[in-house]
Amino acid sequence: MSTLDSNYKELARSDDRSKANKIFDIGQAICPDVDDWQKRAACRGVATEVFFPSGDSTGEDAKSICVQCPVARQCLEYAIRAREEEGVWGGATGAERRSLIRRRRRAKAKERKLRSVLPNPSSQSY
């Protein structure tokens, strides 16, 4: 167990009806249960301000950390699913993530269109 993991203290649940994540007390902050990929992230322990730059900053410091991160892909996919609008996640800024989402939507639409036009190879008789 790392020293970071040993700092987590599980709080008692008052309502266990939902499938919500466990809550942990980290110093003064309360946050959702950390997924396995987050425990392996290269950004653990780095100041949050690095990943949420202000002003005209491009987030290059954060991106340089993400390039070396073994779980950058999981981080990026999490940010896309969670619709994180701000900050650098998985090496991508909010604008870059929005662009990626648009490209994925276009690719899916193109794939659907091709499927509707092209015959299904499994249904062809020979």
N, C-alpha and C. Protein backbone atom coordinates (compact mmCIF):
# COMPACT_ATOMS: atom_id res chain seq x y z
N MET A 1 0.85 -1.17 0.00
CA MET A 1 0.00 0.00 0.00
C MET A 1 0.89 1.24 0.00
N SER A 2 0.62 2.17 -0.90
CA SER A 2 1.41 3.39 -0.97
C SER A 2 1.02 4.33 0.16
N THR A 3 1.85 5.34 0.38
CA THR A 3 1.54 6.32 1.42
C THR A 3 0.28 7.10 1.07
N LEU A 4 0.04 7.32 -0.24
CA LEU A 4 -1.18 8.02 -0.63
C LEU A 4 -2.41 7.18 -0.29
N ASP A 5 -2.35 5.87 -0.56
CA ASP A 5 -3.47 5.00 -0.26
C ASP A 5 -3.73 4.89 1.23
N SER A 6 -2.69 4.96 2.04
CA SER A 6 -2.88 4.84 3.49
C SER A 6 -3.52 6.07 4.10
N ASN A 7 -3.60 7.18 3.35
CA ASN A 7 -4.22 8.40 3.86
C ASN A 7 -5.74 8.39 3.71
N TYR A 8 -6.30 7.40 3.05
CA TYR A 8 -7.73 7.35 2.83
C TYR A 8 -8.43 6.72 4.02
N LYS A 9 -9.52 7.32 4.44
CA LYS A 9 -10.30 6.79 5.55
C LYS A 9 -11.75 6.70 5.11
N GLU A 10 -12.31 5.52 5.10
CA GLU A 10 -13.68 5.34 4.64
C GLU A 10 -14.66 5.91 5.66
N LEU A 11 -15.63 6.67 5.17
CA LEU A 11 -16.68 7.22 6.01
C LEU A 11 -17.87 6.27 6.05
N ALA A 12 -18.63 6.32 7.13
CA ALA A 12 -19.82 5.49 7.23
C ALA A 12 -20.89 5.99 6.27
N ARG A 13 -21.63 5.06 5.68
CA ARG A 13 -22.70 5.41 4.75
C ARG A 13 -24.01 5.53 5.52
N SER A 14 -24.74 6.61 5.32
CA SER A 14 -26.03 6.76 5.98
C SER A 14 -27.14 6.19 5.13
N ASP A 15 -26.94 6.14 3.81
CA ASP A 15 -27.96 5.62 2.90
C ASP A 15 -27.27 4.73 1.88
N ASP A 16 -27.42 3.43 2.01
CA ASP A 16 -26.73 2.49 1.13
C ASP A 16 -27.65 1.94 0.05
N ARG A 17 -28.80 2.60 -0.21
CA ARG A 17 -29.74 2.10 -1.20
C ARG A 17 -29.21 2.26 -2.62
N SER A 18 -28.44 3.29 -2.87
CA SER A 18 -27.97 3.55 -4.23
C SER A 18 -26.68 2.78 -4.50
N LYS A 19 -26.34 2.71 -5.78
CA LYS A 19 -25.09 2.08 -6.19
C LYS A 19 -23.98 3.11 -6.27
N ALA A 20 -24.16 4.24 -5.60
CA ALA A 20 -23.17 5.31 -5.65
C ALA A 20 -21.84 4.83 -5.10
N ASN A 21 -20.77 5.47 -5.56
CA ASN A 21 -19.44 5.11 -5.09
C ASN A 21 -19.27 5.44 -3.62
N LYS A 22 -18.38 4.72 -2.96
CA LYS A 22 -18.06 5.01 -1.58
C LYS A 22 -17.46 6.40 -1.49
N ILE A 23 -17.57 7.01 -0.33
CA ILE A 23 -17.00 8.33 -0.12
C ILE A 23 -15.82 8.20 0.83
N PHE A 24 -14.74 8.91 0.52
CA PHE A 24 -13.54 8.86 1.33
C PHE A 24 -13.19 10.25 1.81
N ASP A 25 -12.63 10.33 3.00
CA ASP A 25 -12.19 11.59 3.57
C ASP A 25 -10.70 11.73 3.27
N ILE A 26 -10.36 12.76 2.51
CA ILE A 26 -8.96 13.02 2.19
C ILE A 26 -8.63 14.37 2.79
N GLY A 27 -8.05 14.38 3.96
CA GLY A 27 -7.79 15.65 4.63
C GLY A 27 -9.10 16.36 4.85
N GLN A 28 -9.25 17.56 4.28
CA GLN A 28 -10.46 18.34 4.40
C GLN A 28 -11.46 18.01 3.29
N ALA A 29 -10.99 17.45 2.19
CA ALA A 29 -11.85 17.25 1.02
C ALA A 29 -12.56 15.91 1.07
N ILE A 30 -13.71 15.87 0.47
CA ILE A 30 -14.45 14.63 0.31
C ILE A 30 -14.60 14.40 -1.18
N CYS A 31 -14.26 13.20 -1.66
CA CYS A 31 -14.34 12.92 -3.09
C CYS A 31 -14.83 11.50 -3.32
N PRO A 32 -15.32 11.21 -4.54
CA PRO A 32 -15.78 9.86 -4.84
C PRO A 32 -14.63 8.86 -4.80
N ASP A 33 -14.99 7.62 -4.64
CA ASP A 33 -14.01 6.52 -4.63
C ASP A 33 -13.11 6.64 -5.86
N VAL A 34 -11.83 6.51 -5.64
CA VAL A 34 -10.85 6.62 -6.71
C VAL A 34 -10.81 5.32 -7.48
N ASP A 35 -11.02 5.42 -8.81
CA ASP A 35 -10.95 4.23 -9.66
C ASP A 35 -9.51 3.74 -9.71
N ASP A 36 -9.33 2.48 -10.10
CA ASP A 36 -8.01 1.89 -10.16
C ASP A 36 -7.07 2.68 -11.07
N TRP A 37 -7.56 3.15 -12.21
CA TRP A 37 -6.69 3.89 -13.13
C TRP A 37 -6.21 5.19 -12.50
N GLN A 38 -7.04 5.81 -11.66
CA GLN A 38 -6.66 7.06 -11.02
C GLN A 38 -5.52 6.86 -10.01
N LYS A 39 -5.47 5.69 -9.43
CA LYS A 39 -4.40 5.40 -8.48
C LYS A 39 -3.05 5.29 -9.17
N ARG A 40 -3.06 4.95 -10.47
CA ARG A 40 -1.81 4.79 -11.23
C ARG A 40 -1.45 6.03 -12.05
N ALA A 41 -2.25 7.07 -11.95
CA ALA A 41 -2.05 8.27 -12.78
C ALA A 41 -0.77 9.01 -12.41
N ALA A 42 -0.10 9.52 -13.43
CA ALA A 42 1.15 10.26 -13.23
C ALA A 42 0.91 11.59 -12.53
N CYS A 43 -0.32 12.07 -12.53
CA CYS A 43 -0.63 13.37 -11.93
C CYS A 43 -0.93 13.30 -10.44
N ARG A 44 -0.92 12.11 -9.86
CA ARG A 44 -1.20 11.99 -8.42
C ARG A 44 -0.22 12.85 -7.64
N GLY A 45 -0.76 13.73 -6.82
CA GLY A 45 0.08 14.58 -5.99
C GLY A 45 0.47 15.90 -6.64
N VAL A 46 0.16 16.09 -7.91
CA VAL A 46 0.49 17.34 -8.61
C VAL A 46 -0.62 18.35 -8.32
N ALA A 47 -0.26 19.60 -8.17
CA ALA A 47 -1.23 20.65 -7.87
C ALA A 47 -2.31 20.72 -8.95
N THR A 48 -3.55 20.84 -8.53
CA THR A 48 -4.70 20.90 -9.43
C THR A 48 -4.58 22.05 -10.42
N GLU A 49 -3.97 23.14 -10.00
CA GLU A 49 -3.86 24.33 -10.85
C GLU A 49 -3.11 24.03 -12.16
N VAL A 50 -2.24 23.03 -12.13
CA VAL A 50 -1.50 22.66 -13.34
C VAL A 50 -2.46 22.16 -14.41
N PHE A 51 -3.52 21.44 -14.00
CA PHE A 51 -4.46 20.84 -14.94
C PHE A 51 -5.67 21.72 -15.23
N PHE A 52 -5.80 22.79 -14.48
CA PHE A 52 -6.87 23.75 -14.70
C PHE A 52 -6.24 25.14 -14.81
N PRO A 53 -5.49 25.36 -15.90
CA PRO A 53 -4.78 26.63 -16.06
C PRO A 53 -5.75 27.79 -16.28
N SER A 54 -5.33 28.96 -15.84
CA SER A 54 -6.17 30.13 -16.01
C SER A 54 -5.64 31.00 -17.15
N GLY A 55 -6.50 31.84 -17.65
CA GLY A 55 -6.08 32.77 -18.69
C GLY A 55 -5.81 32.10 -20.02
N ASP A 56 -4.77 32.58 -20.69
CA ASP A 56 -4.43 32.10 -22.03
C ASP A 56 -3.51 30.90 -22.03
N SER A 57 -3.26 30.31 -20.88
CA SER A 57 -2.37 29.16 -20.80
C SER A 57 -2.91 27.99 -21.61
N THR A 58 -2.04 27.30 -22.29
CA THR A 58 -2.44 26.17 -23.14
C THR A 58 -2.43 24.84 -22.40
N GLY A 59 -1.97 24.83 -21.18
CA GLY A 59 -1.92 23.59 -20.42
C GLY A 59 -0.76 22.70 -20.79
N GLU A 60 0.30 23.28 -21.36
CA GLU A 60 1.44 22.47 -21.80
C GLU A 60 2.11 21.74 -20.64
N ASP A 61 2.14 22.35 -19.45
CA ASP A 61 2.74 21.66 -18.29
C ASP A 61 1.96 20.39 -17.98
N ALA A 62 0.64 20.50 -18.00
CA ALA A 62 -0.20 19.34 -17.73
C ALA A 62 -0.03 18.28 -18.82
N LYS A 63 -0.01 18.73 -20.06
CA LYS A 63 0.13 17.79 -21.17
C LYS A 63 1.46 17.04 -21.11
N SER A 64 2.51 17.72 -20.64
CA SER A 64 3.81 17.04 -20.53
C SER A 64 3.76 15.93 -19.48
N ILE A 65 2.92 16.07 -18.48
CA ILE A 65 2.74 15.00 -17.49
C ILE A 65 1.90 13.88 -18.10
N CYS A 66 0.86 14.25 -18.83
CA CYS A 66 -0.04 13.26 -19.44
C CYS A 66 0.67 12.38 -20.48
N VAL A 67 1.63 12.95 -21.19
CA VAL A 67 2.35 12.20 -22.22
C VAL A 67 3.04 10.98 -21.59
N GLN A 68 3.49 11.11 -20.38
CA GLN A 68 4.22 10.04 -19.70
C GLN A 68 3.30 9.13 -18.88
N CYS A 69 2.03 9.45 -18.82
CA CYS A 69 1.10 8.75 -17.93
C CYS A 69 0.64 7.42 -18.53
N PRO A 70 0.68 6.34 -17.73
CA PRO A 70 0.26 5.04 -18.24
C PRO A 70 -1.26 4.90 -18.38
N VAL A 71 -2.02 5.81 -17.79
CA VAL A 71 -3.48 5.71 -17.84
C VAL A 71 -4.12 6.93 -18.50
N ALA A 72 -3.39 7.60 -19.36
CA ALA A 72 -3.91 8.81 -20.02
C ALA A 72 -5.18 8.50 -20.82
N ARG A 73 -5.22 7.37 -21.48
CA ARG A 73 -6.39 7.02 -22.30
C ARG A 73 -7.64 6.86 -21.42
N GLN A 74 -7.50 6.18 -20.29
CA GLN A 74 -8.64 6.01 -19.39
C GLN A 74 -9.10 7.36 -18.86
N CYS A 75 -8.15 8.23 -18.57
CA CYS A 75 -8.45 9.57 -18.07
C CYS A 75 -9.23 10.36 -19.11
N LEU A 76 -8.77 10.31 -20.35
CA LEU A 76 -9.45 11.02 -21.44
C LEU A 76 -10.86 10.48 -21.63
N GLU A 77 -11.02 9.17 -21.65
CA GLU A 77 -12.35 8.58 -21.83
C GLU A 77 -13.27 8.94 -20.67
N TYR A 78 -12.73 8.96 -19.46
CA TYR A 78 -13.54 9.38 -18.31
C TYR A 78 -14.05 10.81 -18.50
N ALA A 79 -13.15 11.71 -18.90
CA ALA A 79 -13.52 13.12 -19.09
C ALA A 79 -14.57 13.27 -20.18
N ILE A 80 -14.49 12.47 -21.21
CA ILE A 80 -15.48 12.53 -22.29
C ILE A 80 -16.83 12.03 -21.78
N ARG A 81 -16.83 10.88 -21.09
CA ARG A 81 -18.09 10.34 -20.55
C ARG A 81 -18.72 11.28 -19.54
N ALA A 82 -17.89 11.88 -18.69
CA ALA A 82 -18.39 12.76 -17.63
C ALA A 82 -18.69 14.17 -18.14
N ARG A 83 -18.37 14.42 -19.41
CA ARG A 83 -18.58 15.73 -20.03
C ARG A 83 -17.85 16.84 -19.26
N GLU A 84 -16.61 16.52 -18.87
CA GLU A 84 -15.77 17.53 -18.21
C GLU A 84 -15.49 18.63 -19.22
N GLU A 85 -15.87 19.85 -18.91
CA GLU A 85 -15.70 20.95 -19.84
C GLU A 85 -14.38 21.68 -19.66
N GLU A 86 -13.86 21.68 -18.46
CA GLU A 86 -12.66 22.45 -18.14
C GLU A 86 -11.48 21.52 -17.85
N GLY A 87 -10.31 22.07 -17.95
CA GLY A 87 -9.11 21.38 -17.54
C GLY A 87 -8.52 20.45 -18.58
N VAL A 88 -7.33 19.97 -18.28
CA VAL A 88 -6.63 19.01 -19.13
C VAL A 88 -6.86 17.63 -18.53
N TRP A 89 -7.44 16.75 -19.32
CA TRP A 89 -7.70 15.37 -18.91
C TRP A 89 -7.14 14.46 -19.99
N GLY A 90 -6.30 13.53 -19.62
CA GLY A 90 -5.74 12.60 -20.59
C GLY A 90 -4.96 13.28 -21.69
N GLY A 91 -4.41 14.45 -21.40
CA GLY A 91 -3.61 15.17 -22.38
C GLY A 91 -4.41 16.05 -23.33
N ALA A 92 -5.70 16.21 -23.09
CA ALA A 92 -6.54 17.01 -23.97
C ALA A 92 -7.27 18.11 -23.20
N THR A 93 -7.29 19.29 -23.78
CA THR A 93 -8.03 20.40 -23.18
C THR A 93 -9.52 20.22 -23.48
N GLY A 94 -10.34 21.07 -22.88
CA GLY A 94 -11.77 21.01 -23.13
C GLY A 94 -12.11 21.16 -24.61
N ALA A 95 -11.46 22.11 -25.28
CA ALA A 95 -11.70 22.32 -26.71
C ALA A 95 -11.27 21.09 -27.52
N GLU A 96 -10.16 20.49 -27.15
CA GLU A 96 -9.69 19.29 -27.86
C GLU A 96 -10.63 18.11 -27.65
N ARG A 97 -11.18 18.00 -26.45
CA ARG A 97 -12.14 16.92 -26.19
C ARG A 97 -13.43 17.13 -26.98
N ARG A 98 -13.90 18.37 -27.04
CA ARG A 98 -15.11 18.66 -27.83
C ARG A 98 -14.88 18.32 -29.30
N SER A 99 -13.71 18.65 -29.81
CA SER A 99 -13.37 18.32 -31.19
C SER A 99 -13.36 16.80 -31.40
N LEU A 100 -12.79 16.08 -30.47
CA LEU A 100 -12.75 14.62 -30.55
C LEU A 100 -14.16 14.04 -30.54
N ILE A 101 -15.03 14.57 -29.70
CA ILE A 101 -16.41 14.09 -29.64
C ILE A 101 -17.10 14.33 -30.98
N ARG A 102 -16.90 15.51 -31.58
CA ARG A 102 -17.50 15.80 -32.89
C ARG A 102 -16.98 14.83 -33.95
N ARG A 103 -15.67 14.57 -33.96
CA ARG A 103 -15.11 13.65 -34.95
C ARG A 103 -15.68 12.24 -34.77
N ARG A 104 -15.82 11.81 -33.53
CA ARG A 104 -16.38 10.48 -33.28
C ARG A 104 -17.83 10.41 -33.75
N ARG A 105 -18.60 11.45 -33.49
CA ARG A 105 -20.00 11.46 -33.94
C ARG A 105 -20.09 11.40 -35.46
N ARG A 106 -19.24 12.18 -36.14
CA ARG A 106 -19.23 12.16 -37.60
C ARG A 106 -18.87 10.77 -38.13
N ALA A 107 -17.87 10.15 -37.50
CA ALA A 107 -17.44 8.81 -37.94
C ALA A 107 -18.56 7.79 -37.74
N LYS A 108 -19.29 7.87 -36.62
CA LYS A 108 -20.40 6.95 -36.38
C LYS A 108 -21.52 7.18 -37.39
N ALA A 109 -21.81 8.44 -37.68
CA ALA A 109 -22.86 8.75 -38.65
C ALA A 109 -22.47 8.22 -40.03
N LYS A 110 -21.22 8.39 -40.39
CA LYS A 110 -20.73 7.89 -41.69
C LYS A 110 -20.83 6.36 -41.73
N GLU A 111 -20.47 5.71 -40.65
CA GLU A 111 -20.53 4.25 -40.58
C GLU A 111 -21.98 3.76 -40.71
N ARG A 112 -22.93 4.45 -40.02
CA ARG A 112 -24.34 4.08 -40.13
C ARG A 112 -24.84 4.25 -41.57
N LYS A 113 -24.42 5.33 -42.19
CA LYS A 113 -24.84 5.59 -43.56
C LYS A 113 -24.30 4.51 -44.50
N LEU A 114 -23.03 4.14 -44.31
CA LEU A 114 -22.45 3.09 -45.15
C LEU A 114 -23.16 1.75 -44.95
N ARG A 115 -23.50 1.45 -43.72
CA ARG A 115 -24.21 0.19 -43.44
C ARG A 115 -25.57 0.15 -44.10
N SER A 116 -26.22 1.30 -44.16
CA SER A 116 -27.55 1.32 -44.77
C SER A 116 -27.47 1.21 -46.30
N VAL A 117 -26.35 1.61 -46.88
CA VAL A 117 -26.18 1.58 -48.34
C VAL A 117 -25.58 0.27 -48.82
N LEU A 118 -24.58 -0.21 -48.11
CA LEU A 118 -23.88 -1.44 -48.52
C LEU A 118 -24.66 -2.67 -48.07
N PRO A 119 -24.64 -3.72 -48.88
CA PRO A 119 -25.32 -4.96 -48.46
C PRO A 119 -24.57 -5.61 -47.30
N ASN A 120 -25.31 -6.31 -46.49
CA ASN A 120 -24.74 -7.02 -45.36
C ASN A 120 -24.10 -8.30 -45.88
N PRO A 121 -22.76 -8.46 -45.71
CA PRO A 121 -22.08 -9.64 -46.27
C PRO A 121 -22.58 -10.96 -45.68
N SER A 122 -23.06 -10.98 -44.47
CA SER A 122 -23.51 -12.23 -43.86
C SER A 122 -24.86 -12.67 -44.39
N SER A 123 -25.63 -11.74 -45.00
CA SER A 123 -26.95 -12.11 -45.50
C SER A 123 -26.93 -12.45 -46.99
N GLN A 124 -25.80 -12.37 -47.64
CA GLN A 124 -25.72 -12.68 -49.06
C GLN A 124 -25.72 -14.20 -49.26
N SER A 125 -26.46 -14.63 -50.26
CA SER A 125 -26.44 -16.07 -50.58
C SER A 125 -25.55 -16.28 -51.81
N TYR A 126 -24.89 -17.41 -51.85
CA TYR A 126 -23.93 -17.69 -52.93
C TYR A 126 -24.42 -18.81 -53.78
